[in-house]
Amino acid sequence: MSNETKTDQQYAQIIELCKDVFLKKMKDYGNAWRILRPSSLTDQVYIKAQRIRSLQSKGTQKILEGITPEFIGIVNYSVMGLVQLDLGAADTVDIDEHKAIELYLGYFEKARRLMRDKNHDYGEAWRDMRVSSLADIILMKLLRIKQIEDNDGKATVSEGIDANYYDIINYAVFALIRIELE
């Protein structure tokens, strides 16, 4: 099996893992996230990335949930962030479960296509990266997003918020592959 085929299969497994958590959370909470502004979702992803970095640095934890659920949260909140960028924050829950999962899978598929293109160009360099480096890159991307948000969503020569969210999704998927499937 080629590395590209292996990566595609592993990516599909991680999509299923993340989607399962997304669906279970939607059953518990509905789509209450629709009221969040994109910047609030950025902060939520940032908190999860900071916790991963803290756990990696300290080597111990007081809350039993490890880093896998945090990376899953990063993926899911990043997808929600992309939805909010396109649809805007709502005043009420304005989409049903069917529409939410349709949007979720659509954005995840766009992230997957980007991953395939970048893997072609970079030769799957992520496989040689440490999970801690993947977490650091996610944090860097989040700081970039926060700066662009503080600039009223405008970037002069850099990628926009959406491009950074797609990269975050893919780096988190890579980390999950490294942690869960290798």
Protein backbone atom coordinates (compact mmCIF):
# COMPACT_ATOMS: atom_id res chain seq x y z
CA MET A 1 0.00 0.00 0.00
CA SER A 2 1.37 3.42 -0.93
CA ASN A 3 1.84 6.09 1.72
CA GLU A 4 -0.87 8.19 0.05
CA THR A 5 -3.36 5.32 0.27
CA LYS A 6 -2.37 4.62 3.87
CA THR A 7 -2.79 8.28 4.79
CA ASP A 8 -6.16 8.46 3.06
CA GLN A 9 -7.40 5.40 4.96
CA GLN A 10 -6.07 6.71 8.27
CA TYR A 11 -7.59 10.13 7.58
CA ALA A 12 -10.96 8.44 6.98
CA GLN A 13 -10.67 6.63 10.32
CA ILE A 14 -10.00 9.91 12.11
CA ILE A 15 -12.94 11.58 10.34
CA GLU A 16 -15.16 8.81 11.70
CA LEU A 17 -13.72 9.22 15.21
CA CYS A 18 -14.24 13.00 15.18
CA LYS A 19 -17.67 12.74 13.54
CA ASP A 20 -18.80 10.24 16.19
CA VAL A 21 -17.87 12.69 18.96
CA PHE A 22 -19.51 15.57 17.04
CA LEU A 23 -22.76 13.58 16.71
CA LYS A 24 -22.77 12.55 20.38
CA LYS A 25 -22.16 16.13 21.51
CA MET A 26 -24.89 17.32 19.14
CA LYS A 27 -27.26 14.80 20.76
CA ASP A 28 -26.35 16.17 24.21
CA TYR A 29 -26.21 19.88 23.40
CA GLY A 30 -27.92 20.35 20.05
CA ASN A 31 -26.33 22.99 17.84
CA ALA A 32 -25.97 25.62 20.56
CA TRP A 33 -22.55 26.44 19.09
CA ARG A 34 -24.33 28.31 16.28
CA ILE A 35 -24.62 31.36 18.56
CA LEU A 36 -20.84 31.63 18.99
CA ARG A 37 -18.98 34.29 17.10
CA PRO A 38 -15.99 32.99 15.12
CA SER A 39 -13.59 34.62 17.60
CA SER A 40 -15.19 32.67 20.45
CA LEU A 41 -14.57 29.43 18.58
CA THR A 42 -10.98 30.48 17.97
CA ASP A 43 -10.58 30.97 21.71
CA GLN A 44 -12.12 27.55 22.39
CA VAL A 45 -9.65 25.88 20.02
CA TYR A 46 -6.85 27.90 21.62
CA ILE A 47 -7.78 26.61 25.10
CA LYS A 48 -7.65 23.02 23.87
CA ALA A 49 -4.28 23.53 22.15
CA GLN A 50 -2.87 25.21 25.27
CA ARG A 51 -4.01 22.25 27.39
CA ILE A 52 -2.27 19.83 25.04
CA ARG A 53 0.94 21.82 25.26
CA SER A 54 0.64 22.02 29.04
CA LEU A 55 0.10 18.25 29.35
CA GLN A 56 3.03 17.57 27.03
CA SER A 57 5.29 19.91 29.02
CA LYS A 58 4.27 18.79 32.51
CA GLY A 59 3.94 15.11 31.75
CA THR A 60 1.13 14.87 34.32
CA GLN A 61 -2.50 15.84 34.46
CA LYS A 62 -5.18 16.37 37.10
CA ILE A 63 -8.17 15.98 34.79
CA LEU A 64 -8.30 12.42 33.49
CA GLU A 65 -9.09 13.35 29.90
CA GLY A 66 -5.88 13.03 27.86
CA ILE A 67 -4.72 14.75 24.70
CA THR A 68 -6.68 12.63 22.22
CA PRO A 69 -10.04 14.20 23.18
CA GLU A 70 -8.41 17.63 23.01
CA PHE A 71 -7.18 17.04 19.43
CA ILE A 72 -10.68 15.77 18.54
CA GLY A 73 -12.09 18.96 20.06
CA ILE A 74 -9.65 21.03 18.02
CA VAL A 75 -10.88 19.35 14.84
CA ASN A 76 -14.55 19.73 15.70
CA TYR A 77 -14.35 23.32 16.91
CA SER A 78 -12.29 24.24 13.83
CA VAL A 79 -14.99 22.82 11.57
CA MET A 80 -17.56 24.82 13.54
CA GLY A 81 -15.35 27.88 13.06
CA LEU A 82 -15.44 27.39 9.29
CA VAL A 83 -19.23 27.09 9.40
CA GLN A 84 -19.45 30.31 11.41
CA LEU A 85 -17.14 32.12 9.00
CA ASP A 86 -19.48 31.23 6.13
CA LEU A 87 -22.87 31.47 7.82
CA GLY A 88 -22.12 33.96 10.58
CA ALA A 89 -23.17 33.56 14.18
CA ALA A 90 -26.88 33.04 14.68
CA ASP A 91 -29.07 34.50 17.41
CA THR A 92 -30.73 31.13 17.90
CA VAL A 93 -30.09 27.54 16.91
CA ASP A 94 -31.00 27.78 13.24
CA ILE A 95 -29.85 24.47 11.73
CA ASP A 96 -31.02 20.95 12.39
CA GLU A 97 -28.91 17.85 12.92
CA HIS A 98 -29.05 16.87 9.24
CA LYS A 99 -27.81 20.27 8.04
CA ALA A 100 -25.12 20.38 10.74
CA ILE A 101 -23.64 17.02 9.73
CA GLU A 102 -23.88 17.93 6.03
CA LEU A 103 -21.88 21.10 6.71
CA TYR A 104 -19.47 19.23 9.00
CA LEU A 105 -18.68 16.59 6.37
CA GLY A 106 -18.39 19.20 3.62
CA TYR A 107 -15.74 21.20 5.47
CA PHE A 108 -13.93 18.05 6.55
CA GLU A 109 -13.82 16.93 2.90
CA LYS A 110 -12.33 20.29 1.86
CA ALA A 111 -9.68 19.83 4.55
CA ARG A 112 -8.99 16.34 3.25
CA ARG A 113 -8.53 17.59 -0.33
CA LEU A 114 -6.11 20.23 0.94
CA MET A 115 -4.23 17.54 2.87
CA ARG A 116 -3.89 15.43 -0.28
CA ASP A 117 -2.54 18.40 -2.26
CA LYS A 118 -0.06 19.39 0.43
CA ASN A 119 1.03 15.80 1.00
CA HIS A 120 1.77 15.56 -2.70
CA ASP A 121 4.01 18.63 -2.52
CA TYR A 122 5.59 17.98 0.89
CA GLY A 123 5.97 14.21 0.61
CA GLU A 124 4.16 13.46 3.89
CA ALA A 125 6.79 15.23 5.97
CA TRP A 126 4.30 15.27 8.87
CA ARG A 127 5.00 11.58 9.47
CA ASP A 128 8.47 12.55 10.70
CA MET A 129 7.19 15.31 12.97
CA ARG A 130 6.72 15.03 16.70
CA VAL A 131 3.19 15.33 18.10
CA SER A 132 4.49 18.19 20.24
CA SER A 133 5.56 20.04 17.08
CA LEU A 134 2.13 19.51 15.57
CA ALA A 135 0.59 21.03 18.73
CA ASP A 136 2.99 24.00 18.53
CA ILE A 137 2.11 24.63 14.89
CA ILE A 138 -1.59 24.55 15.78
CA LEU A 139 -0.94 27.15 18.48
CA MET A 140 0.97 29.31 16.02
CA LYS A 141 -1.90 29.09 13.52
CA LEU A 142 -4.33 30.08 16.27
CA LEU A 143 -2.26 33.12 17.16
CA ARG A 144 -2.31 34.05 13.48
CA ILE A 145 -6.09 33.70 13.40
CA LYS A 146 -6.44 35.82 16.54
CA GLN A 147 -4.29 38.55 14.95
CA ILE A 148 -6.33 38.49 11.75
CA GLU A 149 -9.54 38.63 13.82
CA ASP A 150 -8.11 41.62 15.68
CA ASN A 151 -7.46 43.19 12.24
CA ASP A 152 -11.20 42.90 11.46
CA GLY A 153 -10.65 39.70 9.49
CA LYS A 154 -8.27 41.28 7.00
CA ALA A 155 -4.87 39.94 6.02
CA THR A 156 -2.59 41.96 3.77
CA VAL A 157 -0.48 39.24 2.15
CA SER A 158 -1.15 36.19 4.33
CA GLU A 159 -3.66 33.38 4.15
CA GLY A 160 -7.00 34.17 5.70
CA ILE A 161 -8.71 32.75 8.74
CA ASP A 162 -10.29 29.90 6.79
CA ALA A 163 -6.96 28.67 5.41
CA ASN A 164 -5.52 28.60 8.92
CA TYR A 165 -8.54 26.64 10.20
CA TYR A 166 -8.10 24.07 7.42
CA ASP A 167 -4.42 23.70 8.34
CA ILE A 168 -5.35 23.30 12.02
CA ILE A 169 -7.80 20.54 11.14
CA ASN A 170 -5.15 18.72 9.17
CA TYR A 171 -2.41 19.09 11.79
CA ALA A 172 -4.82 17.82 14.45
CA VAL A 173 -5.76 14.86 12.23
CA PHE A 174 -2.07 14.11 11.74
CA ALA A 175 -1.54 14.19 15.50
CA LEU A 176 -4.48 11.84 15.99
CA ILE A 177 -3.10 9.47 13.36
CA ARG A 178 0.27 9.50 15.12
CA ILE A 179 -1.32 8.93 18.56
CA GLU A 180 -4.14 6.53 17.71
CA LEU A 181 -3.15 4.64 14.55
CA GLU A 182 0.63 4.27 14.48
